[in-house]
């Protein structure tokens, strides 16, 4: 799975990017199996005390979108990816 990351007022260190890629790898295996044809776009933003994560995956020319908000950045990311996993099943 190819991942495109966009951070709006959010910067991630390499260790956080690896964690993000590992979470998306599970979703990629659910969608593609062993192929890596799907693409994920991740948009992270921060407003006041709220982190927002939007994950968009193009799967067979149909967009699947997971959106989540939380006070913690990685909880928001995990929530968005969990919503995509529910859509995939």
Protein backbone atom coordinates (compact mmCIF):
# COMPACT_ATOMS: atom_id res chain seq x y z
CA UNK A 1 0.00 0.00 0.00
CA UNK A 2 1.38 3.37 -0.99
CA UNK A 3 0.87 6.07 1.63
CA UNK A 4 0.74 9.82 1.00
CA UNK A 5 0.98 11.86 4.19
CA UNK A 6 -0.13 15.48 4.59
CA UNK A 7 0.27 17.24 7.92
CA UNK A 8 -1.49 20.51 8.54
CA UNK A 9 0.19 22.11 11.55
CA UNK A 10 1.41 18.60 12.46
CA UNK A 11 4.94 17.24 12.07
CA UNK A 12 5.76 13.58 12.67
CA UNK A 13 9.17 12.18 13.54
CA UNK A 14 10.41 9.08 11.65
CA UNK A 15 9.44 6.73 14.51
CA UNK A 16 5.86 8.02 14.37
CA UNK A 17 5.80 7.62 10.57
CA UNK A 18 6.87 3.96 10.92
CA UNK A 19 4.07 3.37 13.41
CA UNK A 20 1.62 4.99 10.99
CA UNK A 21 2.87 2.80 8.13
CA UNK A 22 2.49 -0.34 10.27
CA UNK A 23 -1.12 0.52 11.05
CA UNK A 24 -1.85 1.04 7.35
CA UNK A 25 -0.08 -2.20 6.40
CA UNK A 26 -2.78 -4.24 8.15
CA UNK A 27 -5.48 -2.40 6.20
CA UNK A 28 -3.53 -2.95 2.98
CA UNK A 29 -3.40 -6.70 3.60
CA UNK A 30 -7.17 -6.76 4.15
CA UNK A 31 -7.83 -4.94 0.88
CA UNK A 32 -5.13 -6.18 -1.49
CA UNK A 33 -3.82 -9.38 -0.02
CA UNK A 34 -0.15 -9.52 -1.00
CA UNK A 35 -0.40 -6.92 -3.78
CA UNK A 36 0.41 -3.30 -3.11
CA UNK A 37 -1.87 -1.63 -5.64
CA UNK A 38 -4.02 0.51 -3.35
CA UNK A 39 -3.10 4.01 -2.26
CA UNK A 40 -3.88 5.71 1.04
CA UNK A 41 -3.98 9.45 1.59
CA UNK A 42 -3.65 10.54 5.20
CA UNK A 43 -4.44 14.10 6.24
CA UNK A 44 -3.61 15.07 9.82
CA UNK A 45 -4.57 18.41 11.32
CA UNK A 46 -4.61 20.07 14.71
CA UNK A 47 -7.04 22.69 16.00
CA UNK A 48 -6.75 23.92 19.55
CA UNK A 49 -6.81 20.72 21.65
CA UNK A 50 -8.27 18.46 18.97
CA UNK A 51 -6.37 16.25 16.52
CA UNK A 52 -8.15 15.23 13.32
CA UNK A 53 -7.25 12.32 11.06
CA UNK A 54 -8.75 11.60 7.66
CA UNK A 55 -7.68 8.47 5.78
CA UNK A 56 -8.84 8.00 2.18
CA UNK A 57 -8.19 4.74 0.33
CA UNK A 58 -8.95 4.29 -3.37
CA UNK A 59 -10.06 0.67 -3.68
CA UNK A 60 -11.17 -0.58 -7.11
CA UNK A 61 -11.90 3.02 -8.20
CA UNK A 62 -14.16 3.62 -5.19
CA UNK A 63 -13.05 5.94 -2.38
CA UNK A 64 -13.34 4.73 1.19
CA UNK A 65 -12.98 7.44 3.84
CA UNK A 66 -12.34 7.13 7.55
CA UNK A 67 -12.47 10.25 9.71
CA UNK A 68 -11.82 10.58 13.42
CA UNK A 69 -11.17 13.30 16.01
CA UNK A 70 -9.54 12.95 19.42
CA UNK A 71 -7.33 14.75 21.90
CA UNK A 72 -4.47 12.34 21.13
CA UNK A 73 -3.06 12.17 17.59
CA UNK A 74 -2.53 8.41 17.37
CA UNK A 75 -5.92 7.65 18.90
CA UNK A 76 -7.47 9.74 16.12
CA UNK A 77 -5.42 7.89 13.48
CA UNK A 78 -6.32 4.50 14.93
CA UNK A 79 -10.01 5.48 15.00
CA UNK A 80 -9.95 6.50 11.33
CA UNK A 81 -8.22 3.27 10.29
CA UNK A 82 -10.67 1.22 12.39
CA UNK A 83 -13.57 2.85 10.53
CA UNK A 84 -11.96 1.89 7.22
CA UNK A 85 -11.53 -1.70 8.41
CA UNK A 86 -15.26 -1.84 9.19
CA UNK A 87 -16.05 -0.57 5.68
CA UNK A 88 -13.78 -3.17 4.13
CA UNK A 89 -15.49 -6.09 5.86
